[in-house]
Amino acid sequence: MKTTSKLHFVRLAVITSTLTTLLCSANTASAFSEPDFQTNFKKFTQAQGDTDTEQSAAGFQEMLKAEPTNPLLMAYAGAATTKLATTTMFPWKKMSYSEEGLAMLDKALQLSSGTNGAAAMHGAVPAVLEVKFVAANTFLAVPGFMNRSSQGQKLLNEILQHPQFSSAAIGFRGAVWMRAANLAIDQKHPELAKTYLSAIIQANAPQAASANHLLKGIPS
């Protein structure tokens, strides 16, 4: 795996941290413990070293054992397992973690598309959209040779076009718009990036200050 992969996962953590810090303050209808979820998520997104990364993966895996068909827990367990690739120097272990985590994300997407998964909510966010966003962030973060970028972009577009997106929590919508804007900037599409950043500002999403700062850096 390329030496830059760790930077990709750092970026993943920062983006996802903004999302879940906002949306998970609400109560969830799921059976799992929200405090346990938040503990694992904090270690996942704000890891100070390999130990936090390893503990977050183990924590989400343990939660998943209690609810093995929960697509949201499976998505986070998959993302956290994929991130374990940054904790080892051995190429075969990097690939093993990545492949295991990505397979879990694929399964989470499949589960969330079912009747029960489509109706589930996590706080004020449809679980199906959160699962897609966790998967999209991960697919866009892993190195290019794993051929997941196009799938990540497709998932991001599906979220933006989903009929439930407009009624989802504003913090979630802001996080999705911000991710879409950064992707547009990376792909040299400044006008599209401006559209997403302007949407954040007009909606007065929690990311508005960051969006305004980023918007000022895009040439007119």
C-alpha atoms as a PDB file:
ATOM      1  CA  MET A   1       0.000   0.000   0.000  1.00  0.00           C
ATOM      2  CA  LYS A   2       1.295   3.454  -0.789  1.00  0.00           C
ATOM      3  CA  THR A   3       2.979   5.440   1.965  1.00  0.00           C
ATOM      4  CA  THR A   4       0.390   8.191   1.490  1.00  0.00           C
ATOM      5  CA  SER A   5      -2.441   5.897   2.617  1.00  0.00           C
ATOM      6  CA  LYS A   6      -2.216   7.103   6.214  1.00  0.00           C
ATOM      7  CA  LEU A   7      -2.918  10.646   5.058  1.00  0.00           C
ATOM      8  CA  HIS A   8      -6.015   9.426   3.231  1.00  0.00           C
ATOM      9  CA  PHE A   9      -7.336   7.859   6.422  1.00  0.00           C
ATOM     10  CA  VAL A  10      -6.580  10.960   8.482  1.00  0.00           C
ATOM     11  CA  ARG A  11      -8.731  12.893   6.027  1.00  0.00           C
ATOM     12  CA  LEU A  12     -11.470  10.284   6.360  1.00  0.00           C
ATOM     13  CA  ALA A  13     -11.461  10.668  10.130  1.00  0.00           C
ATOM     14  CA  VAL A  14     -11.705  14.453  10.054  1.00  0.00           C
ATOM     15  CA  ILE A  15     -14.644  14.453   7.650  1.00  0.00           C
ATOM     16  CA  THR A  16     -16.584  11.768   9.488  1.00  0.00           C
ATOM     17  CA  SER A  17     -15.938  13.337  12.877  1.00  0.00           C
ATOM     18  CA  THR A  18     -17.796  16.466  11.814  1.00  0.00           C
ATOM     19  CA  LEU A  19     -20.750  14.352  10.755  1.00  0.00           C
ATOM     20  CA  THR A  20     -21.241  12.130  13.772  1.00  0.00           C
ATOM     21  CA  THR A  21     -20.438  14.638  16.486  1.00  0.00           C
ATOM     22  CA  LEU A  22     -23.479  16.524  15.232  1.00  0.00           C
ATOM     23  CA  LEU A  23     -25.981  13.818  14.455  1.00  0.00           C
ATOM     24  CA  CYS A  24     -25.426  11.334  17.255  1.00  0.00           C
ATOM     25  CA  SER A  25     -26.410  13.729  20.044  1.00  0.00           C
ATOM     26  CA  ALA A  26     -29.992  12.733  19.244  1.00  0.00           C
ATOM     27  CA  ASN A  27     -31.569   9.587  20.620  1.00  0.00           C
ATOM     28  CA  THR A  28     -31.570   6.553  18.369  1.00  0.00           C
ATOM     29  CA  ALA A  29     -34.215   3.888  17.951  1.00  0.00           C
ATOM     30  CA  SER A  30     -31.543   1.209  17.578  1.00  0.00           C
ATOM     31  CA  ALA A  31     -30.957  -1.328  20.335  1.00  0.00           C
ATOM     32  CA  PHE A  32     -27.246  -0.594  20.651  1.00  0.00           C
ATOM     33  CA  SER A  33     -25.820   1.662  23.344  1.00  0.00           C
ATOM     34  CA  GLU A  34     -25.294   5.172  22.030  1.00  0.00           C
ATOM     35  CA  PRO A  35     -22.648   5.986  24.700  1.00  0.00           C
ATOM     36  CA  ASP A  36     -20.671   2.910  23.616  1.00  0.00           C
ATOM     37  CA  PHE A  37     -21.077   3.981  19.997  1.00  0.00           C
ATOM     38  CA  GLN A  38     -19.800   7.475  20.781  1.00  0.00           C
ATOM     39  CA  THR A  39     -16.809   6.115  22.702  1.00  0.00           C
ATOM     40  CA  ASN A  40     -15.774   3.939  19.789  1.00  0.00           C
ATOM     41  CA  PHE A  41     -16.449   6.672  17.280  1.00  0.00           C
ATOM     42  CA  LYS A  42     -14.358   9.220  19.171  1.00  0.00           C
ATOM     43  CA  LYS A  43     -11.417   6.830  19.139  1.00  0.00           C
ATOM     44  CA  PHE A  44     -12.014   6.166  15.439  1.00  0.00           C
ATOM     45  CA  THR A  45     -12.100   9.808  14.395  1.00  0.00           C
ATOM     46  CA  GLN A  46      -9.776  11.393  16.938  1.00  0.00           C
ATOM     47  CA  ALA A  47      -7.200   8.640  17.305  1.00  0.00           C
ATOM     48  CA  GLN A  48      -4.003   9.815  18.960  1.00  0.00           C
ATOM     49  CA  GLY A  49      -2.166   6.702  17.861  1.00  0.00           C
ATOM     50  CA  ASP A  50      -2.473   3.109  16.760  1.00  0.00           C
ATOM     51  CA  THR A  51      -3.919   2.015  20.102  1.00  0.00           C
ATOM     52  CA  ASP A  52      -7.008   4.204  19.676  1.00  0.00           C
ATOM     53  CA  THR A  53      -7.458   2.962  16.114  1.00  0.00           C
ATOM     54  CA  GLU A  54      -7.206  -0.649  17.238  1.00  0.00           C
ATOM     55  CA  GLN A  55      -9.577  -0.118  20.156  1.00  0.00           C
ATOM     56  CA  SER A  56     -12.189   1.565  17.974  1.00  0.00           C
ATOM     57  CA  ALA A  57     -12.143  -1.338  15.517  1.00  0.00           C
ATOM     58  CA  ALA A  58     -12.416  -3.867  18.342  1.00  0.00           C
ATOM     59  CA  GLY A  59     -15.200  -1.847  19.961  1.00  0.00           C
ATOM     60  CA  PHE A  60     -17.332  -1.626  16.832  1.00  0.00           C
ATOM     61  CA  GLN A  61     -16.720  -5.321  16.151  1.00  0.00           C
ATOM     62  CA  GLU A  62     -17.944  -6.152  19.661  1.00  0.00           C
ATOM     63  CA  MET A  63     -21.084  -4.053  19.187  1.00  0.00           C
ATOM     64  CA  LEU A  64     -21.703  -5.775  15.876  1.00  0.00           C
ATOM     65  CA  LYS A  65     -21.608  -9.190  17.563  1.00  0.00           C
ATOM     66  CA  ALA A  66     -24.696  -8.200  19.559  1.00  0.00           C
ATOM     67  CA  GLU A  67     -26.497  -6.981  16.403  1.00  0.00           C
ATOM     68  CA  PRO A  68     -24.871  -8.835  13.502  1.00  0.00           C
ATOM     69  CA  THR A  69     -27.411  -7.640  10.929  1.00  0.00           C
ATOM     70  CA  ASN A  70     -27.330  -3.962  11.901  1.00  0.00           C
ATOM     71  CA  PRO A  71     -26.075  -2.180   8.740  1.00  0.00           C
ATOM     72  CA  LEU A  72     -24.993   0.969  10.602  1.00  0.00           C
ATOM     73  CA  LEU A  73     -22.787  -0.927  13.058  1.00  0.00           C
ATOM     74  CA  MET A  74     -21.448  -3.040  10.211  1.00  0.00           C
ATOM     75  CA  ALA A  75     -20.565   0.098   8.240  1.00  0.00           C
ATOM     76  CA  TYR A  76     -18.618   1.634  11.100  1.00  0.00           C
ATOM     77  CA  ALA A  77     -16.965  -1.675  11.961  1.00  0.00           C
ATOM     78  CA  GLY A  78     -15.954  -1.955   8.305  1.00  0.00           C
ATOM     79  CA  ALA A  79     -14.579   1.572   8.154  1.00  0.00           C
ATOM     80  CA  ALA A  80     -12.673   1.092  11.423  1.00  0.00           C
ATOM     81  CA  THR A  81     -11.276  -2.248  10.247  1.00  0.00           C
ATOM     82  CA  THR A  82     -10.150  -0.673   6.972  1.00  0.00           C
ATOM     83  CA  LYS A  83      -8.391   2.044   8.951  1.00  0.00           C
ATOM     84  CA  LEU A  84      -6.345  -0.638  10.738  1.00  0.00           C
ATOM     85  CA  ALA A  85      -4.274  -0.724   7.539  1.00  0.00           C
ATOM     86  CA  THR A  86      -2.576   2.413   8.840  1.00  0.00           C
ATOM     87  CA  THR A  87      -1.351   0.634  11.997  1.00  0.00           C
ATOM     88  CA  THR A  88       0.992  -1.868  10.378  1.00  0.00           C
ATOM     89  CA  MET A  89       4.088  -1.729   8.200  1.00  0.00           C
ATOM     90  CA  PHE A  90       3.518  -5.147   6.642  1.00  0.00           C
ATOM     91  CA  PRO A  91       1.949  -4.968   3.166  1.00  0.00           C
ATOM     92  CA  TRP A  92       0.088  -8.268   3.525  1.00  0.00           C
ATOM     93  CA  LYS A  93      -1.543  -7.085   6.760  1.00  0.00           C
ATOM     94  CA  LYS A  94      -2.479  -3.764   5.159  1.00  0.00           C
ATOM     95  CA  MET A  95      -4.237  -5.623   2.366  1.00  0.00           C
ATOM     96  CA  SER A  96      -5.898  -8.036   4.777  1.00  0.00           C
ATOM     97  CA  TYR A  97      -7.365  -5.236   6.917  1.00  0.00           C
ATOM     98  CA  SER A  98      -8.450  -3.270   3.869  1.00  0.00           C
ATOM     99  CA  GLU A  99     -10.106  -6.183   2.134  1.00  0.00           C
ATOM    100  CA  GLU A 100     -11.903  -7.308   5.305  1.00  0.00           C
ATOM    101  CA  GLY A 101     -13.164  -3.802   6.041  1.00  0.00           C
ATOM    102  CA  LEU A 102     -14.285  -3.094   2.494  1.00  0.00           C
ATOM    103  CA  ALA A 103     -16.146  -6.408   2.368  1.00  0.00           C
ATOM    104  CA  MET A 104     -18.010  -5.413   5.531  1.00  0.00           C
ATOM    105  CA  LEU A 105     -18.939  -2.087   3.975  1.00  0.00           C
ATOM    106  CA  ASP A 106     -20.253  -3.845   0.889  1.00  0.00           C
ATOM    107  CA  LYS A 107     -22.415  -6.042   3.110  1.00  0.00           C
ATOM    108  CA  ALA A 108     -23.620  -3.032   5.132  1.00  0.00           C
ATOM    109  CA  LEU A 109     -24.750  -1.335   1.929  1.00  0.00           C
ATOM    110  CA  GLN A 110     -26.613  -4.465   0.912  1.00  0.00           C
ATOM    111  CA  LEU A 111     -28.329  -4.777   4.301  1.00  0.00           C
ATOM    112  CA  SER A 112     -29.304  -1.101   4.425  1.00  0.00           C
ATOM    113  CA  SER A 113     -31.030  -1.335   1.062  1.00  0.00           C
ATOM    114  CA  GLY A 114     -33.544  -3.858   2.406  1.00  0.00           C
ATOM    115  CA  THR A 115     -37.017  -2.916   3.623  1.00  0.00           C
ATOM    116  CA  ASN A 116     -36.091  -2.718   7.301  1.00  0.00           C
ATOM    117  CA  GLY A 117     -32.782  -0.960   6.663  1.00  0.00           C
ATOM    118  CA  ALA A 118     -34.371   1.684   4.467  1.00  0.00           C
ATOM    119  CA  ALA A 119     -36.848   2.660   7.202  1.00  0.00           C
ATOM    120  CA  ALA A 120     -34.362   2.798  10.110  1.00  0.00           C
ATOM    121  CA  MET A 121     -33.283   6.099  11.641  1.00  0.00           C
ATOM    122  CA  HIS A 122     -30.174   7.070  13.583  1.00  0.00           C
ATOM    123  CA  GLY A 123     -31.160  10.198  15.401  1.00  0.00           C
ATOM    124  CA  ALA A 124     -32.504  12.583  12.766  1.00  0.00           C
ATOM    125  CA  VAL A 125     -30.684  10.871   9.905  1.00  0.00           C
ATOM    126  CA  PRO A 126     -31.973   7.940   7.836  1.00  0.00           C
ATOM    127  CA  ALA A 127     -29.606   5.056   8.564  1.00  0.00           C
ATOM    128  CA  VAL A 128     -29.465   4.172   4.874  1.00  0.00           C
ATOM    129  CA  LEU A 129     -27.936   7.582   4.135  1.00  0.00           C
ATOM    130  CA  GLU A 130     -25.456   7.382   7.005  1.00  0.00           C
ATOM    131  CA  VAL A 131     -24.329   3.940   5.876  1.00  0.00           C
ATOM    132  CA  LYS A 132     -23.824   5.253   2.349  1.00  0.00           C
ATOM    133  CA  PHE A 133     -21.843   8.217   3.679  1.00  0.00           C
ATOM    134  CA  VAL A 134     -19.538   6.096   5.842  1.00  0.00           C
ATOM    135  CA  ALA A 135     -18.924   3.827   2.854  1.00  0.00           C
ATOM    136  CA  ALA A 136     -18.405   6.746   0.464  1.00  0.00           C
ATOM    137  CA  ASN A 137     -15.867   8.378   2.784  1.00  0.00           C
ATOM    138  CA  THR A 138     -13.955   5.130   3.149  1.00  0.00           C
ATOM    139  CA  PHE A 139     -13.997   4.278  -0.556  1.00  0.00           C
ATOM    140  CA  LEU A 140     -12.760   7.768  -1.417  1.00  0.00           C
ATOM    141  CA  ALA A 141     -10.034   7.557   1.251  1.00  0.00           C
ATOM    142  CA  VAL A 142      -8.380   4.263   0.350  1.00  0.00           C
ATOM    143  CA  PRO A 143      -5.519   4.301  -2.183  1.00  0.00           C
ATOM    144  CA  GLY A 144      -6.481   4.462  -5.840  1.00  0.00           C
ATOM    145  CA  PHE A 145      -5.175   1.014  -6.756  1.00  0.00           C
ATOM    146  CA  MET A 146      -8.039  -0.507  -4.742  1.00  0.00           C
ATOM    147  CA  ASN A 147     -10.425   0.849  -7.387  1.00  0.00           C
ATOM    148  CA  ARG A 148     -13.078   2.170  -5.009  1.00  0.00           C
ATOM    149  CA  SER A 149     -13.061   5.861  -5.896  1.00  0.00           C
ATOM    150  CA  SER A 150     -15.763   5.696  -8.557  1.00  0.00           C
ATOM    151  CA  GLN A 151     -18.025   3.729  -6.227  1.00  0.00           C
ATOM    152  CA  GLY A 152     -17.437   6.283  -3.478  1.00  0.00           C
ATOM    153  CA  GLN A 153     -18.377   9.121  -5.801  1.00  0.00           C
ATOM    154  CA  LYS A 154     -21.477   7.229  -6.949  1.00  0.00           C
ATOM    155  CA  LEU A 155     -22.608   6.746  -3.344  1.00  0.00           C
ATOM    156  CA  LEU A 156     -22.057  10.419  -2.591  1.00  0.00           C
ATOM    157  CA  ASN A 157     -24.223  11.382  -5.556  1.00  0.00           C
ATOM    158  CA  GLU A 158     -26.897   8.919  -4.450  1.00  0.00           C
ATOM    159  CA  ILE A 159     -27.038  10.599  -1.035  1.00  0.00           C
ATOM    160  CA  LEU A 160     -27.366  14.058  -2.564  1.00  0.00           C
ATOM    161  CA  GLN A 161     -30.188  12.884  -4.839  1.00  0.00           C
ATOM    162  CA  HIS A 162     -31.997  10.754  -2.255  1.00  0.00           C
ATOM    163  CA  PRO A 163     -35.575  11.882  -1.461  1.00  0.00           C
ATOM    164  CA  GLN A 164     -34.848  11.739   2.282  1.00  0.00           C
ATOM    165  CA  PHE A 165     -31.735  13.922   2.083  1.00  0.00           C
ATOM    166  CA  SER A 166     -33.623  17.221   2.272  1.00  0.00           C
ATOM    167  CA  SER A 167     -35.280  16.239   5.568  1.00  0.00           C
ATOM    168  CA  ALA A 168     -32.143  14.831   7.221  1.00  0.00           C
ATOM    169  CA  ALA A 169     -30.419  16.676  10.063  1.00  0.00           C
ATOM    170  CA  ILE A 170     -28.751  19.875   8.899  1.00  0.00           C
ATOM    171  CA  GLY A 171     -25.412  18.772  10.331  1.00  0.00           C
ATOM    172  CA  PHE A 172     -25.515  15.646   8.204  1.00  0.00           C
ATOM    173  CA  ARG A 173     -26.454  17.571   5.070  1.00  0.00           C
ATOM    174  CA  GLY A 174     -23.655  20.018   5.744  1.00  0.00           C
ATOM    175  CA  ALA A 175     -21.140  17.203   6.097  1.00  0.00           C
ATOM    176  CA  VAL A 176     -22.282  15.629   2.816  1.00  0.00           C
ATOM    177  CA  TRP A 177     -22.149  18.949   0.966  1.00  0.00           C
ATOM    178  CA  MET A 178     -18.679  19.617   2.390  1.00  0.00           C
ATOM    179  CA  ARG A 179     -17.406  16.225   1.276  1.00  0.00           C
ATOM    180  CA  ALA A 180     -18.887  16.765  -2.171  1.00  0.00           C
ATOM    181  CA  ALA A 181     -17.278  20.212  -2.365  1.00  0.00           C
ATOM    182  CA  ASN A 182     -13.842  18.864  -1.436  1.00  0.00           C
ATOM    183  CA  LEU A 183     -14.183  16.123  -4.023  1.00  0.00           C
ATOM    184  CA  ALA A 184     -15.155  18.678  -6.658  1.00  0.00           C
ATOM    185  CA  ILE A 185     -12.091  20.754  -5.767  1.00  0.00           C
ATOM    186  CA  ASP A 186      -9.855  17.677  -5.999  1.00  0.00           C
ATOM    187  CA  GLN A 187     -11.310  16.923  -9.426  1.00  0.00           C
ATOM    188  CA  LYS A 188     -10.826  20.518 -10.648  1.00  0.00           C
ATOM    189  CA  HIS A 189     -14.524  21.418 -10.777  1.00  0.00           C
ATOM    190  CA  PRO A 190     -14.549  24.784  -8.965  1.00  0.00           C
ATOM    191  CA  GLU A 191     -18.056  25.815 -10.028  1.00  0.00           C
ATOM    192  CA  LEU A 192     -19.554  22.603  -8.666  1.00  0.00           C
ATOM    193  CA  ALA A 193     -17.617  23.073  -5.437  1.00  0.00           C
ATOM    194  CA  LYS A 194     -19.036  26.578  -5.132  1.00  0.00           C
ATOM    195  CA  THR A 195     -22.551  25.188  -5.505  1.00  0.00           C
ATOM    196  CA  TYR A 196     -22.102  22.806  -2.583  1.00  0.00           C
ATOM    197  CA  LEU A 197     -20.342  25.363  -0.404  1.00  0.00           C
ATOM    198  CA  SER A 198     -23.046  27.942  -1.109  1.00  0.00           C
ATOM    199  CA  ALA A 199     -25.697  25.387  -0.100  1.00  0.00           C
ATOM    200  CA  ILE A 200     -23.964  24.981   3.273  1.00  0.00           C
ATOM    201  CA  ILE A 201     -23.856  28.730   3.844  1.00  0.00           C
ATOM    202  CA  GLN A 202     -27.443  29.348   2.702  1.00  0.00           C
ATOM    203  CA  ALA A 203     -28.736  26.577   4.970  1.00  0.00           C
ATOM    204  CA  ASN A 204     -26.671  27.982   7.865  1.00  0.00           C
ATOM    205  CA  ALA A 205     -25.308  24.510   8.513  1.00  0.00           C
ATOM    206  CA  PRO A 206     -22.762  24.039  11.317  1.00  0.00           C
ATOM    207  CA  GLN A 207     -20.037  23.860   8.650  1.00  0.00           C
ATOM    208  CA  ALA A 208     -20.923  27.337   7.304  1.00  0.00           C
ATOM    209  CA  ALA A 209     -17.789  29.066   8.605  1.00  0.00           C
ATOM    210  CA  SER A 210     -15.530  26.401   7.104  1.00  0.00           C
ATOM    211  CA  ALA A 211     -17.481  26.516   3.848  1.00  0.00           C
ATOM    212  CA  ASN A 212     -17.133  30.280   3.646  1.00  0.00           C
ATOM    213  CA  HIS A 213     -13.389  30.044   4.240  1.00  0.00           C
ATOM    214  CA  LEU A 214     -13.039  27.380   1.555  1.00  0.00           C
ATOM    215  CA  LEU A 215     -15.211  29.345  -0.854  1.00  0.00           C
ATOM    216  CA  LYS A 216     -12.951  32.394  -0.552  1.00  0.00           C
ATOM    217  CA  GLY A 217     -10.020  30.267  -1.692  1.00  0.00           C
ATOM    218  CA  ILE A 218     -11.677  29.269  -4.975  1.00  0.00           C
ATOM    219  CA  PRO A 219     -10.814  31.646  -7.838  1.00  0.00           C
ATOM    220  CA  SER A 220     -13.745  33.630  -9.216  1.00  0.00           C
END
